[in-house]
Amino acid sequence: MKNKMIDALVFESKGYFLKANEIYDEILTLDPQNETALAGKKRINEMITCNRAKLELFLSDDETDQIEFERWLTQI
């Protein structure tokens, strides 16, 4: 299981969130209380939520949303 955790952390660090999430799910199937896997899934969920919100701003036709998106881009 240690190798799976390392794989998940590597995938997550490289931005392959879906693959990392799959591995965390595998770990949690075997050990539902695994704190590292639970924390990894939480981080990924927060990242995906943030990305969805920014995607909505990016795709919006509203000028205020576009300005907010541009402001966010300049901060990263």
N, C-alpha and C. Protein backbone atom coordinates (compact mmCIF):
# COMPACT_ATOMS: atom_id res chain seq x y z
N MET A 1 0.83 -1.19 0.00
CA MET A 1 0.00 0.00 0.00
C MET A 1 0.88 1.26 0.00
N LYS A 2 2.07 1.14 0.56
CA LYS A 2 2.98 2.29 0.60
C LYS A 2 3.32 2.76 -0.81
N ASN A 3 3.53 1.82 -1.74
CA ASN A 3 3.84 2.19 -3.13
C ASN A 3 2.67 2.90 -3.79
N LYS A 4 1.45 2.46 -3.48
CA LYS A 4 0.27 3.12 -4.03
C LYS A 4 0.19 4.56 -3.54
N MET A 5 0.49 4.76 -2.27
CA MET A 5 0.44 6.11 -1.71
C MET A 5 1.47 7.00 -2.39
N ILE A 6 2.66 6.47 -2.60
CA ILE A 6 3.70 7.24 -3.28
C ILE A 6 3.25 7.58 -4.70
N ASP A 7 2.68 6.60 -5.40
CA ASP A 7 2.17 6.85 -6.76
C ASP A 7 1.12 7.96 -6.75
N ALA A 8 0.19 7.89 -5.81
CA ALA A 8 -0.87 8.89 -5.73
C ALA A 8 -0.29 10.28 -5.49
N LEU A 9 0.65 10.37 -4.58
CA LEU A 9 1.26 11.66 -4.28
C LEU A 9 2.04 12.21 -5.48
N VAL A 10 2.71 11.33 -6.21
CA VAL A 10 3.44 11.77 -7.40
C VAL A 10 2.47 12.27 -8.46
N PHE A 11 1.42 11.50 -8.73
CA PHE A 11 0.43 11.94 -9.72
C PHE A 11 -0.20 13.26 -9.30
N GLU A 12 -0.53 13.39 -8.03
CA GLU A 12 -1.13 14.63 -7.56
C GLU A 12 -0.17 15.80 -7.74
N SER A 13 1.10 15.60 -7.42
CA SER A 13 2.07 16.69 -7.54
C SER A 13 2.29 17.12 -8.98
N LYS A 14 2.07 16.20 -9.91
CA LYS A 14 2.23 16.52 -11.33
C LYS A 14 0.95 17.06 -11.96
N GLY A 15 -0.11 17.12 -11.15
CA GLY A 15 -1.38 17.66 -11.66
C GLY A 15 -2.30 16.63 -12.29
N TYR A 16 -1.97 15.36 -12.14
CA TYR A 16 -2.84 14.30 -12.66
C TYR A 16 -3.83 13.91 -11.57
N PHE A 17 -4.77 14.82 -11.32
CA PHE A 17 -5.66 14.69 -10.18
C PHE A 17 -6.61 13.50 -10.30
N LEU A 18 -7.11 13.23 -11.49
CA LEU A 18 -8.04 12.11 -11.64
C LEU A 18 -7.36 10.78 -11.35
N LYS A 19 -6.14 10.61 -11.84
CA LYS A 19 -5.40 9.37 -11.58
C LYS A 19 -5.07 9.26 -10.10
N ALA A 20 -4.63 10.34 -9.49
CA ALA A 20 -4.33 10.31 -8.06
C ALA A 20 -5.58 9.98 -7.26
N ASN A 21 -6.70 10.54 -7.65
CA ASN A 21 -7.95 10.28 -6.95
C ASN A 21 -8.34 8.81 -7.04
N GLU A 22 -8.13 8.20 -8.20
CA GLU A 22 -8.41 6.77 -8.36
C GLU A 22 -7.57 5.94 -7.39
N ILE A 23 -6.30 6.30 -7.28
CA ILE A 23 -5.42 5.54 -6.38
C ILE A 23 -5.83 5.76 -4.93
N TYR A 24 -6.17 6.99 -4.57
CA TYR A 24 -6.65 7.24 -3.21
C TYR A 24 -7.89 6.39 -2.93
N ASP A 25 -8.78 6.27 -3.91
CA ASP A 25 -9.97 5.44 -3.74
C ASP A 25 -9.60 3.97 -3.50
N GLU A 26 -8.60 3.49 -4.24
CA GLU A 26 -8.15 2.11 -4.04
C GLU A 26 -7.62 1.92 -2.62
N ILE A 27 -6.84 2.88 -2.15
CA ILE A 27 -6.29 2.81 -0.80
C ILE A 27 -7.41 2.81 0.23
N LEU A 28 -8.39 3.69 0.02
CA LEU A 28 -9.48 3.81 0.98
C LEU A 28 -10.40 2.59 0.96
N THR A 29 -10.43 1.86 -0.15
CA THR A 29 -11.19 0.62 -0.19
C THR A 29 -10.58 -0.39 0.78
N LEU A 30 -9.25 -0.41 0.83
CA LEU A 30 -8.55 -1.34 1.72
C LEU A 30 -8.46 -0.81 3.15
N ASP A 31 -8.36 0.51 3.29
CA ASP A 31 -8.19 1.13 4.61
C ASP A 31 -9.01 2.42 4.65
N PRO A 32 -10.31 2.32 4.95
CA PRO A 32 -11.20 3.49 4.90
C PRO A 32 -10.80 4.65 5.83
N GLN A 33 -9.96 4.40 6.80
CA GLN A 33 -9.57 5.45 7.74
C GLN A 33 -8.17 6.01 7.45
N ASN A 34 -7.61 5.69 6.30
CA ASN A 34 -6.26 6.14 5.97
C ASN A 34 -6.24 7.66 5.86
N GLU A 35 -5.60 8.29 6.82
CA GLU A 35 -5.62 9.75 6.91
C GLU A 35 -4.92 10.44 5.74
N THR A 36 -3.85 9.84 5.24
CA THR A 36 -3.13 10.45 4.12
C THR A 36 -3.99 10.43 2.86
N ALA A 37 -4.65 9.31 2.60
CA ALA A 37 -5.52 9.22 1.42
C ALA A 37 -6.73 10.13 1.56
N LEU A 38 -7.30 10.21 2.74
CA LEU A 38 -8.43 11.11 2.96
C LEU A 38 -8.02 12.56 2.74
N ALA A 39 -6.84 12.92 3.23
CA ALA A 39 -6.34 14.29 3.03
C ALA A 39 -6.06 14.56 1.56
N GLY A 40 -5.53 13.56 0.85
CA GLY A 40 -5.29 13.72 -0.59
C GLY A 40 -6.57 13.94 -1.36
N LYS A 41 -7.60 13.16 -1.04
CA LYS A 41 -8.88 13.34 -1.71
C LYS A 41 -9.47 14.72 -1.41
N LYS A 42 -9.28 15.19 -0.19
CA LYS A 42 -9.78 16.52 0.17
C LYS A 42 -9.06 17.60 -0.63
N ARG A 43 -7.72 17.49 -0.74
CA ARG A 43 -6.95 18.47 -1.52
C ARG A 43 -7.41 18.49 -2.98
N ILE A 44 -7.58 17.31 -3.54
CA ILE A 44 -8.00 17.22 -4.94
C ILE A 44 -9.38 17.83 -5.12
N ASN A 45 -10.28 17.53 -4.21
CA ASN A 45 -11.63 18.08 -4.31
C ASN A 45 -11.61 19.61 -4.26
N GLU A 46 -10.79 20.16 -3.38
CA GLU A 46 -10.67 21.62 -3.30
C GLU A 46 -10.09 22.20 -4.58
N MET A 47 -9.11 21.52 -5.16
CA MET A 47 -8.50 21.98 -6.40
C MET A 47 -9.50 21.95 -7.55
N ILE A 48 -10.24 20.86 -7.65
CA ILE A 48 -11.21 20.72 -8.72
C ILE A 48 -12.31 21.77 -8.57
N THR A 49 -12.75 22.01 -7.34
CA THR A 49 -13.78 23.01 -7.10
C THR A 49 -13.29 24.38 -7.53
N CYS A 50 -12.05 24.71 -7.18
CA CYS A 50 -11.47 25.99 -7.56
C CYS A 50 -11.39 26.10 -9.08
N ASN A 51 -10.93 25.04 -9.73
CA ASN A 51 -10.80 25.06 -11.17
C ASN A 51 -12.14 25.22 -11.87
N ARG A 52 -13.18 24.59 -11.35
CA ARG A 52 -14.52 24.74 -11.95
C ARG A 52 -14.99 26.18 -11.85
N ALA A 53 -14.77 26.79 -10.69
CA ALA A 53 -15.19 28.17 -10.51
C ALA A 53 -14.45 29.09 -11.47
N LYS A 54 -13.15 28.87 -11.63
CA LYS A 54 -12.37 29.71 -12.54
C LYS A 54 -12.76 29.45 -13.99
N LEU A 55 -13.10 28.21 -14.33
CA LEU A 55 -13.55 27.90 -15.68
C LEU A 55 -14.86 28.63 -15.98
N GLU A 56 -15.75 28.67 -15.01
CA GLU A 56 -17.01 29.39 -15.21
C GLU A 56 -16.77 30.88 -15.44
N LEU A 57 -15.82 31.45 -14.70
CA LEU A 57 -15.48 32.86 -14.94
C LEU A 57 -14.90 33.05 -16.33
N PHE A 58 -14.02 32.14 -16.74
CA PHE A 58 -13.38 32.22 -18.04
C PHE A 58 -14.40 32.16 -19.18
N LEU A 59 -15.39 31.29 -19.03
CA LEU A 59 -16.38 31.09 -20.09
C LEU A 59 -17.51 32.11 -20.07
N SER A 60 -17.59 32.89 -19.03
CA SER A 60 -18.69 33.83 -18.88
C SER A 60 -18.60 34.97 -19.89
N ASP A 61 -19.77 35.43 -20.32
CA ASP A 61 -19.85 36.59 -21.20
C ASP A 61 -19.93 37.89 -20.41
N ASP A 62 -20.10 37.77 -19.10
CA ASP A 62 -20.23 38.93 -18.24
C ASP A 62 -18.87 39.62 -18.06
N GLU A 63 -18.83 40.91 -18.32
CA GLU A 63 -17.58 41.65 -18.24
C GLU A 63 -16.97 41.62 -16.83
N THR A 64 -17.82 41.67 -15.82
CA THR A 64 -17.34 41.63 -14.43
C THR A 64 -16.64 40.30 -14.15
N ASP A 65 -17.20 39.21 -14.65
CA ASP A 65 -16.58 37.89 -14.46
C ASP A 65 -15.24 37.82 -15.17
N GLN A 66 -15.18 38.38 -16.36
CA GLN A 66 -13.92 38.35 -17.11
C GLN A 66 -12.84 39.16 -16.41
N ILE A 67 -13.22 40.29 -15.83
CA ILE A 67 -12.26 41.11 -15.08
C ILE A 67 -11.77 40.35 -13.85
N GLU A 68 -12.70 39.68 -13.17
CA GLU A 68 -12.31 38.89 -12.00
C GLU A 68 -11.36 37.76 -12.39
N PHE A 69 -11.63 37.12 -13.54
CA PHE A 69 -10.75 36.05 -14.02
C PHE A 69 -9.37 36.59 -14.35
N GLU A 70 -9.31 37.72 -15.02
CA GLU A 70 -8.02 38.33 -15.35
C GLU A 70 -7.25 38.70 -14.09
N ARG A 71 -7.96 39.20 -13.09
CA ARG A 71 -7.33 39.56 -11.82
C ARG A 71 -6.74 38.31 -11.16
N TRP A 72 -7.50 37.22 -11.20
CA TRP A 72 -7.01 35.97 -10.63
C TRP A 72 -5.77 35.47 -11.39
N LEU A 73 -5.79 35.57 -12.72
CA LEU A 73 -4.66 35.13 -13.52
C LEU A 73 -3.38 35.88 -13.17
N THR A 74 -3.50 37.15 -12.93
CA THR A 74 -2.30 37.94 -12.62
C THR A 74 -1.73 37.60 -11.26
N GLN A 75 -2.53 36.95 -10.41
CA GLN A 75 -2.05 36.60 -9.07
C GLN A 75 -1.33 35.26 -9.03
N ILE A 76 -1.52 34.43 -10.05
CA ILE A 76 -0.88 33.10 -10.02
C ILE A 76 0.47 33.12 -10.71
